[in-house]
PDB file of N, CA and C in Angstrom:
ATOM      1  N   MET A   1     -27.118 -33.636  18.833  1.00  0.00           N
ATOM      2  CA  MET A   1     -26.370 -34.478  17.934  1.00  0.00           C
ATOM      3  C   MET A   1     -26.582 -35.934  18.350  1.00  0.00           C
ATOM      4  N   ALA A   2     -26.863 -36.759  17.403  1.00  0.00           N
ATOM      5  CA  ALA A   2     -27.070 -38.176  17.663  1.00  0.00           C
ATOM      6  C   ALA A   2     -25.726 -38.862  17.881  1.00  0.00           C
ATOM      7  N   THR A   3     -25.740 -39.848  18.725  1.00  0.00           N
ATOM      8  CA  THR A   3     -24.524 -40.607  18.983  1.00  0.00           C
ATOM      9  C   THR A   3     -24.250 -41.497  17.780  1.00  0.00           C
ATOM     10  N   PRO A   4     -23.078 -41.443  17.178  1.00  0.00           N
ATOM     11  CA  PRO A   4     -22.805 -42.265  15.994  1.00  0.00           C
ATOM     12  C   PRO A   4     -22.710 -43.747  16.356  1.00  0.00           C
ATOM     13  N   ARG A   5     -23.202 -44.560  15.466  1.00  0.00           N
ATOM     14  CA  ARG A   5     -23.165 -46.023  15.596  1.00  0.00           C
ATOM     15  C   ARG A   5     -23.663 -46.500  16.954  1.00  0.00           C
ATOM     16  N   ASP A   6     -24.851 -46.131  17.303  1.00  0.00           N
ATOM     17  CA  ASP A   6     -25.426 -46.574  18.563  1.00  0.00           C
ATOM     18  C   ASP A   6     -26.807 -47.158  18.294  1.00  0.00           C
ATOM     19  N   ILE A   7     -27.393 -47.749  19.292  1.00  0.00           N
ATOM     20  CA  ILE A   7     -28.703 -48.368  19.141  1.00  0.00           C
ATOM     21  C   ILE A   7     -29.798 -47.334  19.330  1.00  0.00           C
ATOM     22  N   SER A   8     -31.031 -47.719  19.129  1.00  0.00           N
ATOM     23  CA  SER A   8     -32.159 -46.794  19.206  1.00  0.00           C
ATOM     24  C   SER A   8     -32.330 -46.266  20.632  1.00  0.00           C
ATOM     25  N   PRO A   9     -32.998 -45.111  20.796  1.00  0.00           N
ATOM     26  CA  PRO A   9     -33.157 -44.518  22.129  1.00  0.00           C
ATOM     27  C   PRO A   9     -33.888 -45.421  23.115  1.00  0.00           C
ATOM     28  N   LEU A  10     -34.858 -46.214  22.636  1.00  0.00           N
ATOM     29  CA  LEU A  10     -35.572 -47.124  23.532  1.00  0.00           C
ATOM     30  C   LEU A  10     -34.617 -48.196  24.069  1.00  0.00           C
ATOM     31  N   LEU A  11     -33.808 -48.767  23.180  1.00  0.00           N
ATOM     32  CA  LEU A  11     -32.845 -49.774  23.626  1.00  0.00           C
ATOM     33  C   LEU A  11     -31.727 -49.154  24.469  1.00  0.00           C
ATOM     34  N   GLN A  12     -31.394 -47.881  24.236  1.00  0.00           N
ATOM     35  CA  GLN A  12     -30.408 -47.200  25.077  1.00  0.00           C
ATOM     36  C   GLN A  12     -30.904 -47.095  26.509  1.00  0.00           C
ATOM     37  N   LYS A  13     -32.179 -46.752  26.687  1.00  0.00           N
ATOM     38  CA  LYS A  13     -32.752 -46.649  28.034  1.00  0.00           C
ATOM     39  C   LYS A  13     -32.823 -48.015  28.708  1.00  0.00           C
ATOM     40  N   LEU A  14     -33.166 -49.059  27.936  1.00  0.00           N
ATOM     41  CA  LEU A  14     -33.197 -50.415  28.495  1.00  0.00           C
ATOM     42  C   LEU A  14     -31.785 -50.844  28.908  1.00  0.00           C
ATOM     43  N   ARG A  15     -30.814 -50.556  28.060  1.00  0.00           N
ATOM     44  CA  ARG A  15     -29.424 -50.910  28.383  1.00  0.00           C
ATOM     45  C   ARG A  15     -28.941 -50.159  29.624  1.00  0.00           C
ATOM     46  N   ALA A  16     -29.268 -48.868  29.745  1.00  0.00           N
ATOM     47  CA  ALA A  16     -28.869 -48.087  30.918  1.00  0.00           C
ATOM     48  C   ALA A  16     -29.527 -48.634  32.173  1.00  0.00           C
ATOM     49  N   PHE A  17     -30.774 -49.086  32.067  1.00  0.00           N
ATOM     50  CA  PHE A  17     -31.467 -49.663  33.230  1.00  0.00           C
ATOM     51  C   PHE A  17     -30.820 -50.983  33.645  1.00  0.00           C
ATOM     52  N   LEU A  18     -30.524 -51.839  32.672  1.00  0.00           N
ATOM     53  CA  LEU A  18     -29.943 -53.139  32.983  1.00  0.00           C
ATOM     54  C   LEU A  18     -28.499 -53.029  33.476  1.00  0.00           C
ATOM     55  N   LEU A  19     -27.747 -52.069  32.932  1.00  0.00           N
ATOM     56  CA  LEU A  19     -26.366 -51.869  33.397  1.00  0.00           C
ATOM     57  C   LEU A  19     -26.308 -51.158  34.741  1.00  0.00           C
ATOM     58  N   GLY A  20     -27.308 -50.320  35.025  1.00  0.00           N
ATOM     59  CA  GLY A  20     -27.288 -49.538  36.248  1.00  0.00           C
ATOM     60  C   GLY A  20     -26.459 -48.269  36.105  1.00  0.00           C
ATOM     61  N   ARG A  21     -26.053 -47.958  34.892  1.00  0.00           N
ATOM     62  CA  ARG A  21     -25.269 -46.761  34.604  1.00  0.00           C
ATOM     63  C   ARG A  21     -25.405 -46.483  33.122  1.00  0.00           C
ATOM     64  N   ASN A  22     -24.925 -45.305  32.700  1.00  0.00           N
ATOM     65  CA  ASN A  22     -24.930 -44.997  31.273  1.00  0.00           C
ATOM     66  C   ASN A  22     -23.772 -45.708  30.587  1.00  0.00           C
ATOM     67  N   HIS A  23     -24.040 -46.233  29.423  1.00  0.00           N
ATOM     68  CA  HIS A  23     -23.030 -46.962  28.653  1.00  0.00           C
ATOM     69  C   HIS A  23     -22.024 -45.989  28.054  1.00  0.00           C
ATOM     70  N   THR A  24     -20.738 -46.311  28.133  1.00  0.00           N
ATOM     71  CA  THR A  24     -19.683 -45.518  27.516  1.00  0.00           C
ATOM     72  C   THR A  24     -19.234 -46.228  26.248  1.00  0.00           C
ATOM     73  N   ASN A  25     -19.371 -45.554  25.127  1.00  0.00           N
ATOM     74  CA  ASN A  25     -18.997 -46.144  23.855  1.00  0.00           C
ATOM     75  C   ASN A  25     -17.475 -46.178  23.742  1.00  0.00           C
ATOM     76  N   ALA A  26     -16.915 -47.341  23.455  1.00  0.00           N
ATOM     77  CA  ALA A  26     -15.464 -47.489  23.378  1.00  0.00           C
ATOM     78  C   ALA A  26     -14.913 -47.086  22.027  1.00  0.00           C
ATOM     79  N   LEU A  27     -15.781 -46.847  21.034  1.00  0.00           N
ATOM     80  CA  LEU A  27     -15.308 -46.454  19.722  1.00  0.00           C
ATOM     81  C   LEU A  27     -14.879 -44.994  19.737  1.00  0.00           C
ATOM     82  N   ARG A  28     -13.904 -44.643  18.879  1.00  0.00           N
ATOM     83  CA  ARG A  28     -13.387 -43.278  18.842  1.00  0.00           C
ATOM     84  C   ARG A  28     -13.809 -42.621  17.535  1.00  0.00           C
ATOM     85  N   PHE A  29     -14.444 -41.474  17.644  1.00  0.00           N
ATOM     86  CA  PHE A  29     -14.897 -40.736  16.474  1.00  0.00           C
ATOM     87  C   PHE A  29     -14.203 -39.383  16.445  1.00  0.00           C
ATOM     88  N   ALA A  30     -14.077 -38.811  15.252  1.00  0.00           N
ATOM     89  CA  ALA A  30     -13.327 -37.572  15.067  1.00  0.00           C
ATOM     90  C   ALA A  30     -13.937 -36.405  15.826  1.00  0.00           C
ATOM     91  N   ASP A  31     -15.251 -36.413  16.019  1.00  0.00           N
ATOM     92  CA  ASP A  31     -15.900 -35.313  16.739  1.00  0.00           C
ATOM     93  C   ASP A  31     -15.563 -35.303  18.221  1.00  0.00           C
ATOM     94  N   TYR A  32     -15.124 -36.429  18.773  1.00  0.00           N
ATOM     95  CA  TYR A  32     -14.886 -36.540  20.213  1.00  0.00           C
ATOM     96  C   TYR A  32     -13.403 -36.592  20.574  1.00  0.00           C
ATOM     97  N   ILE A  33     -12.526 -36.441  19.595  1.00  0.00           N
ATOM     98  CA  ILE A  33     -11.089 -36.519  19.831  1.00  0.00           C
ATOM     99  C   ILE A  33     -10.489 -35.121  19.670  1.00  0.00           C
ATOM    100  N   ALA A  34      -9.447 -34.811  20.422  1.00  0.00           N
ATOM    101  CA  ALA A  34      -8.776 -33.513  20.321  1.00  0.00           C
ATOM    102  C   ALA A  34      -8.145 -33.359  18.943  1.00  0.00           C
ATOM    103  N   ALA A  35      -8.077 -32.134  18.486  1.00  0.00           N
ATOM    104  CA  ALA A  35      -7.519 -31.855  17.167  1.00  0.00           C
ATOM    105  C   ALA A  35      -6.024 -32.152  17.139  1.00  0.00           C
ATOM    106  N   ARG A  36      -5.538 -32.528  15.958  1.00  0.00           N
ATOM    107  CA  ARG A  36      -4.112 -32.831  15.827  1.00  0.00           C
ATOM    108  C   ARG A  36      -3.259 -31.577  15.691  1.00  0.00           C
ATOM    109  N   THR A  37      -3.854 -30.476  15.338  1.00  0.00           N
ATOM    110  CA  THR A  37      -3.095 -29.242  15.157  1.00  0.00           C
ATOM    111  C   THR A  37      -3.063 -28.471  16.473  1.00  0.00           C
ATOM    112  N   GLN A  38      -2.225 -28.894  17.370  1.00  0.00           N
ATOM    113  CA  GLN A  38      -2.074 -28.245  18.662  1.00  0.00           C
ATOM    114  C   GLN A  38      -0.767 -27.470  18.676  1.00  0.00           C
ATOM    115  N   PRO A  39      -0.686 -26.418  19.487  1.00  0.00           N
ATOM    116  CA  PRO A  39       0.571 -25.661  19.540  1.00  0.00           C
ATOM    117  C   PRO A  39       1.686 -26.484  20.175  1.00  0.00           C
ATOM    118  N   ALA A  40       2.897 -26.169  19.809  1.00  0.00           N
ATOM    119  CA  ALA A  40       4.053 -26.871  20.361  1.00  0.00           C
ATOM    120  C   ALA A  40       4.180 -26.555  21.852  1.00  0.00           C
ATOM    121  N   PRO A  41       4.613 -27.512  22.654  1.00  0.00           N
ATOM    122  CA  PRO A  41       4.739 -27.265  24.088  1.00  0.00           C
ATOM    123  C   PRO A  41       5.879 -26.298  24.397  1.00  0.00           C
ATOM    124  N   ASN A  42       5.707 -25.523  25.444  1.00  0.00           N
ATOM    125  CA  ASN A  42       6.722 -24.577  25.880  1.00  0.00           C
ATOM    126  C   ASN A  42       7.326 -25.130  27.174  1.00  0.00           C
ATOM    127  N   LEU A  43       8.354 -25.945  27.031  1.00  0.00           N
ATOM    128  CA  LEU A  43       8.963 -26.611  28.174  1.00  0.00           C
ATOM    129  C   LEU A  43      10.239 -25.896  28.585  1.00  0.00           C
ATOM    130  N   PRO A  44      10.530 -25.843  29.888  1.00  0.00           N
ATOM    131  CA  PRO A  44      11.809 -25.246  30.316  1.00  0.00           C
ATOM    132  C   PRO A  44      12.972 -26.161  29.947  1.00  0.00           C
ATOM    133  N   GLU A  45      14.126 -25.558  29.746  1.00  0.00           N
ATOM    134  CA  GLU A  45      15.297 -26.343  29.393  1.00  0.00           C
ATOM    135  C   GLU A  45      15.814 -27.078  30.618  1.00  0.00           C
ATOM    136  N   GLY A  46      16.231 -28.301  30.423  1.00  0.00           N
ATOM    137  CA  GLY A  46      16.740 -29.111  31.514  1.00  0.00           C
ATOM    138  C   GLY A  46      18.251 -29.125  31.546  1.00  0.00           C
ATOM    139  N   PRO A  47      18.824 -29.942  32.423  1.00  0.00           N
ATOM    140  CA  PRO A  47      20.289 -29.975  32.526  1.00  0.00           C
ATOM    141  C   PRO A  47      20.959 -30.630  31.323  1.00  0.00           C
ATOM    142  N   ALA A  48      20.203 -31.358  30.497  1.00  0.00           N
ATOM    143  CA  ALA A  48      20.810 -32.061  29.368  1.00  0.00           C
ATOM    144  C   ALA A  48      20.307 -31.506  28.039  1.00  0.00           C
ATOM    145  N   HIS A  49      20.026 -30.205  27.947  1.00  0.00           N
ATOM    146  CA  HIS A  49      19.464 -29.664  26.713  1.00  0.00           C
ATOM    147  C   HIS A  49      20.519 -29.246  25.698  1.00  0.00           C
ATOM    148  N   LYS A  50      21.754 -29.080  26.129  1.00  0.00           N
ATOM    149  CA  LYS A  50      22.808 -28.669  25.204  1.00  0.00           C
ATOM    150  C   LYS A  50      23.396 -29.900  24.506  1.00  0.00           C
ATOM    151  N   LEU A  51      23.916 -29.710  23.316  1.00  0.00           N
ATOM    152  CA  LEU A  51      24.458 -30.833  22.570  1.00  0.00           C
ATOM    153  C   LEU A  51      25.949 -31.029  22.810  1.00  0.00           C
ATOM    154  N   SER A  52      26.691 -29.985  23.148  1.00  0.00           N
ATOM    155  CA  SER A  52      28.122 -30.144  23.352  1.00  0.00           C
ATOM    156  C   SER A  52      28.397 -30.487  24.815  1.00  0.00           C
ATOM    157  N   ALA A  53      29.365 -31.334  25.024  1.00  0.00           N
ATOM    158  CA  ALA A  53      29.789 -31.774  26.371  1.00  0.00           C
ATOM    159  C   ALA A  53      28.624 -32.363  27.159  1.00  0.00           C
ATOM    160  N   ASN A  54      27.780 -33.083  26.468  1.00  0.00           N
ATOM    161  CA  ASN A  54      26.631 -33.715  27.113  1.00  0.00           C
ATOM    162  C   ASN A  54      26.764 -35.220  26.916  1.00  0.00           C
ATOM    163  N   TYR A  55      27.749 -35.806  27.539  1.00  0.00           N
ATOM    164  CA  TYR A  55      28.025 -37.219  27.346  1.00  0.00           C
ATOM    165  C   TYR A  55      27.151 -38.060  28.268  1.00  0.00           C
ATOM    166  N   TYR A  56      26.858 -39.256  27.816  1.00  0.00           N
ATOM    167  CA  TYR A  56      25.967 -40.122  28.581  1.00  0.00           C
ATOM    168  C   TYR A  56      26.590 -40.535  29.916  1.00  0.00           C
ATOM    169  N   TYR A  57      27.885 -40.782  29.921  1.00  0.00           N
ATOM    170  CA  TYR A  57      28.493 -41.271  31.158  1.00  0.00           C
ATOM    171  C   TYR A  57      28.474 -40.222  32.270  1.00  0.00           C
ATOM    172  N   THR A  58      28.321 -38.947  31.934  1.00  0.00           N
ATOM    173  CA  THR A  58      28.237 -37.927  32.979  1.00  0.00           C
ATOM    174  C   THR A  58      26.828 -37.804  33.541  1.00  0.00           C
ATOM    175  N   ARG A  59      25.831 -38.363  32.846  1.00  0.00           N
ATOM    176  CA  ARG A  59      24.446 -38.285  33.310  1.00  0.00           C
ATOM    177  C   ARG A  59      23.912 -39.622  33.795  1.00  0.00           C
ATOM    178  N   ASP A  60      24.706 -40.671  33.733  1.00  0.00           N
ATOM    179  CA  ASP A  60      24.242 -42.015  34.064  1.00  0.00           C
ATOM    180  C   ASP A  60      24.119 -42.167  35.580  1.00  0.00           C
ATOM    181  N   ALA A  61      22.936 -42.463  36.055  1.00  0.00           N
ATOM    182  CA  ALA A  61      22.700 -42.593  37.496  1.00  0.00           C
ATOM    183  C   ALA A  61      23.339 -43.857  38.061  1.00  0.00           C
ATOM    184  N   ARG A  62      23.548 -44.867  37.215  1.00  0.00           N
ATOM    185  CA  ARG A  62      24.161 -46.107  37.717  1.00  0.00           C
ATOM    186  C   ARG A  62      25.605 -45.890  38.127  1.00  0.00           C
ATOM    187  N   ARG A  63      26.267 -44.892  37.538  1.00  0.00           N
ATOM    188  CA  ARG A  63      27.661 -44.619  37.895  1.00  0.00           C
ATOM    189  C   ARG A  63      27.774 -43.784  39.160  1.00  0.00           C
ATOM    190  N   GLU A  64      26.671 -43.315  39.684  1.00  0.00           N
ATOM    191  CA  GLU A  64      26.664 -42.528  40.914  1.00  0.00           C
ATOM    192  C   GLU A  64      26.664 -43.410  42.165  1.00  0.00           C
ATOM    193  N   ILE A  65      26.530 -44.717  41.994  1.00  0.00           N
ATOM    194  CA  ILE A  65      26.407 -45.625  43.129  1.00  0.00           C
ATOM    195  C   ILE A  65      27.756 -45.745  43.836  1.00  0.00           C
ATOM    196  N   GLN A  66      27.724 -45.651  45.160  1.00  0.00           N
ATOM    197  CA  GLN A  66      28.908 -45.752  45.998  1.00  0.00           C
ATOM    198  C   GLN A  66      28.785 -47.004  46.873  1.00  0.00           C
ATOM    199  N   PRO A  67      29.902 -47.477  47.438  1.00  0.00           N
ATOM    200  CA  PRO A  67      29.802 -48.580  48.397  1.00  0.00           C
ATOM    201  C   PRO A  67      28.999 -48.141  49.624  1.00  0.00           C
ATOM    202  N   PRO A  68      28.372 -49.071  50.325  1.00  0.00           N
ATOM    203  CA  PRO A  68      27.574 -48.688  51.495  1.00  0.00           C
ATOM    204  C   PRO A  68      28.431 -48.051  52.576  1.00  0.00           C
ATOM    205  N   GLN A  69      27.860 -47.072  53.277  1.00  0.00           N
ATOM    206  CA  GLN A  69      28.572 -46.392  54.349  1.00  0.00           C
ATOM    207  C   GLN A  69      28.286 -47.079  55.674  1.00  0.00           C
ATOM    208  N   VAL A  70      29.296 -47.128  56.546  1.00  0.00           N
ATOM    209  CA  VAL A  70      29.131 -47.710  57.870  1.00  0.00           C
ATOM    210  C   VAL A  70      28.493 -46.644  58.753  1.00  0.00           C
ATOM    211  N   VAL A  71      27.312 -46.940  59.285  1.00  0.00           N
ATOM    212  CA  VAL A  71      26.583 -45.960  60.075  1.00  0.00           C
ATOM    213  C   VAL A  71      27.030 -45.997  61.530  1.00  0.00           C
ATOM    214  N   ALA A  72      27.116 -47.187  62.105  1.00  0.00           N
ATOM    215  CA  ALA A  72      27.496 -47.318  63.509  1.00  0.00           C
ATOM    216  C   ALA A  72      28.665 -48.289  63.597  1.00  0.00           C
ATOM    217  N   SER A  73      29.854 -47.770  63.836  1.00  0.00           N
ATOM    218  CA  SER A  73      31.026 -48.640  63.887  1.00  0.00           C
ATOM    219  C   SER A  73      31.501 -48.899  65.306  1.00  0.00           C
ATOM    220  N   GLY A  74      30.965 -48.204  66.307  1.00  0.00           N
ATOM    221  CA  GLY A  74      31.445 -48.351  67.676  1.00  0.00           C
ATOM    222  C   GLY A  74      30.736 -49.430  68.470  1.00  0.00           C
ATOM    223  N   GLN A  75      29.766 -50.138  67.897  1.00  0.00           N
ATOM    224  CA  GLN A  75      29.023 -51.152  68.647  1.00  0.00           C
ATOM    225  C   GLN A  75      29.757 -52.480  68.620  1.00  0.00           C
ATOM    226  N   LYS A  76      29.562 -53.245  69.706  1.00  0.00           N
ATOM    227  CA  LYS A  76      30.161 -54.568  69.779  1.00  0.00           C
ATOM    228  C   LYS A  76      29.198 -55.588  69.180  1.00  0.00           C
ATOM    229  N   ALA A  77      29.740 -56.554  68.500  1.00  0.00           N
ATOM    230  CA  ALA A  77      28.920 -57.633  67.954  1.00  0.00           C
ATOM    231  C   ALA A  77      28.624 -58.632  69.058  1.00  0.00           C
ATOM    232  N   ILE A  78      27.418 -59.184  69.081  1.00  0.00           N
ATOM    233  CA  ILE A  78      27.034 -60.167  70.091  1.00  0.00           C
ATOM    234  C   ILE A  78      27.445 -61.545  69.590  1.00  0.00           C
ATOM    235  N   ALA A  79      28.198 -62.250  70.405  1.00  0.00           N
ATOM    236  CA  ALA A  79      28.633 -63.591  70.036  1.00  0.00           C
ATOM    237  C   ALA A  79      27.439 -64.546  70.093  1.00  0.00           C
ATOM    238  N   SER A  80      27.498 -65.594  69.296  1.00  0.00           N
ATOM    239  CA  SER A  80      26.357 -66.502  69.210  1.00  0.00           C
ATOM    240  C   SER A  80      26.180 -67.333  70.480  1.00  0.00           C
ATOM    241  N   GLY A  81      27.228 -67.559  71.246  1.00  0.00           N
ATOM    242  CA  GLY A  81      27.115 -68.384  72.438  1.00  0.00           C
ATOM    243  C   GLY A  81      26.930 -67.582  73.726  1.00  0.00           C
ATOM    244  N   SER A  82      26.803 -66.260  73.650  1.00  0.00           N
ATOM    245  CA  SER A  82      26.716 -65.455  74.858  1.00  0.00           C
ATOM    246  C   SER A  82      25.340 -65.588  75.506  1.00  0.00           C
ATOM    247  N   ALA A  83      25.216 -65.090  76.713  1.00  0.00           N
ATOM    248  CA  ALA A  83      23.965 -65.192  77.467  1.00  0.00           C
ATOM    249  C   ALA A  83      22.873 -64.325  76.846  1.00  0.00           C
ATOM    250  N   VAL A  84      23.244 -63.201  76.279  1.00  0.00           N
ATOM    251  CA  VAL A  84      22.254 -62.312  75.675  1.00  0.00           C
ATOM    252  C   VAL A  84      21.680 -62.943  74.408  1.00  0.00           C
ATOM    253  N   ALA A  85      22.528 -63.586  73.599  1.00  0.00           N
ATOM    254  CA  ALA A  85      22.064 -64.184  72.356  1.00  0.00           C
ATOM    255  C   ALA A  85      21.203 -65.412  72.594  1.00  0.00           C
ATOM    256  N   SER A  86      21.473 -66.177  73.672  1.00  0.00           N
ATOM    257  CA  SER A  86      20.704 -67.394  73.924  1.00  0.00           C
ATOM    258  C   SER A  86      19.382 -67.108  74.622  1.00  0.00           C
ATOM    259  N   LYS A  87      19.171 -65.883  75.077  1.00  0.00           N
ATOM    260  CA  LYS A  87      17.944 -65.532  75.784  1.00  0.00           C
ATOM    261  C   LYS A  87      16.735 -65.503  74.845  1.00  0.00           C
ATOM    262  N   GLY A  88      16.940 -65.198  73.578  1.00  0.00           N
ATOM    263  CA  GLY A  88      15.845 -65.181  72.609  1.00  0.00           C
ATOM    264  C   GLY A  88      15.440 -63.759  72.276  1.00  0.00           C
ATOM    265  N   LEU A  89      14.395 -63.643  71.500  1.00  0.00           N
ATOM    266  CA  LEU A  89      13.923 -62.336  71.079  1.00  0.00           C
ATOM    267  C   LEU A  89      13.161 -61.663  72.204  1.00  0.00           C
ATOM    268  N   VAL A  90      13.278 -60.362  72.292  1.00  0.00           N
ATOM    269  CA  VAL A  90      12.575 -59.591  73.297  1.00  0.00           C
ATOM    270  C   VAL A  90      11.235 -59.178  72.704  1.00  0.00           C
ATOM    271  N   THR A  91      10.141 -59.494  73.400  1.00  0.00           N
ATOM    272  CA  THR A  91       8.811 -59.115  72.948  1.00  0.00           C
ATOM    273  C   THR A  91       8.147 -58.285  74.031  1.00  0.00           C
ATOM    274  N   PRO A  92       7.321 -57.332  73.681  1.00  0.00           N
ATOM    275  CA  PRO A  92       6.656 -56.513  74.686  1.00  0.00           C
ATOM    276  C   PRO A  92       5.522 -57.265  75.367  1.00  0.00           C
ATOM    277  N   GLY A  93       5.257 -56.901  76.614  1.00  0.00           N
ATOM    278  CA  GLY A  93       4.126 -57.469  77.344  1.00  0.00           C
ATOM    279  C   GLY A  93       4.442 -58.815  77.977  1.00  0.00           C
ATOM    280  N   ASN A  94       3.440 -59.369  78.642  1.00  0.00           N
ATOM    281  CA  ASN A  94       3.582 -60.671  79.288  1.00  0.00           C
ATOM    282  C   ASN A  94       3.512 -61.792  78.261  1.00  0.00           C
ATOM    283  N   GLN A  95       4.259 -62.834  78.517  1.00  0.00           N
ATOM    284  CA  GLN A  95       4.233 -63.964  77.619  1.00  0.00           C
ATOM    285  C   GLN A  95       3.496 -65.118  78.294  1.00  0.00           C
ATOM    286  N   TRP A  96       2.634 -65.760  77.578  1.00  0.00           N
ATOM    287  CA  TRP A  96       1.882 -66.910  78.082  1.00  0.00           C
ATOM    288  C   TRP A  96       2.326 -68.138  77.315  1.00  0.00           C
ATOM    289  N   ARG A  97       2.717 -69.147  78.027  1.00  0.00           N
ATOM    290  CA  ARG A  97       3.173 -70.386  77.408  1.00  0.00           C
ATOM    291  C   ARG A  97       2.034 -71.389  77.462  1.00  0.00           C
ATOM    292  N   TRP A  98       1.623 -71.899  76.334  1.00  0.00           N
ATOM    293  CA  TRP A  98       0.507 -72.839  76.228  1.00  0.00           C
ATOM    294  C   TRP A  98       1.060 -74.250  76.029  1.00  0.00           C
ATOM    295  N   ASP A  99       1.723 -74.747  77.022  1.00  0.00           N
ATOM    296  CA  ASP A  99       2.321 -76.096  76.913  1.00  0.00           C
ATOM    297  C   ASP A  99       1.316 -77.170  77.214  1.00  0.00           C
TER     298      ASP A  99
END
């Protein structure tokens, strides 16, 4: 089958050589597209498939948000003027000062 709306075979080979690959035609033709008469999908029913008692506010994920939980409440906060806070950040390895 000939490719619809394409150039001659000699120019196709020249184009493939210059592109370094085979050209893909961006046009859509009926012979290359899936048929429209496809069977209906067979999907499993989800949690919101019923029509009664299926209110939006019961399925809204934004209403599920809670305040943040405190993970560690037994630790002491370091004061800004303490000796540990003024020491600076701890880095691994030896430090070289290039003054």
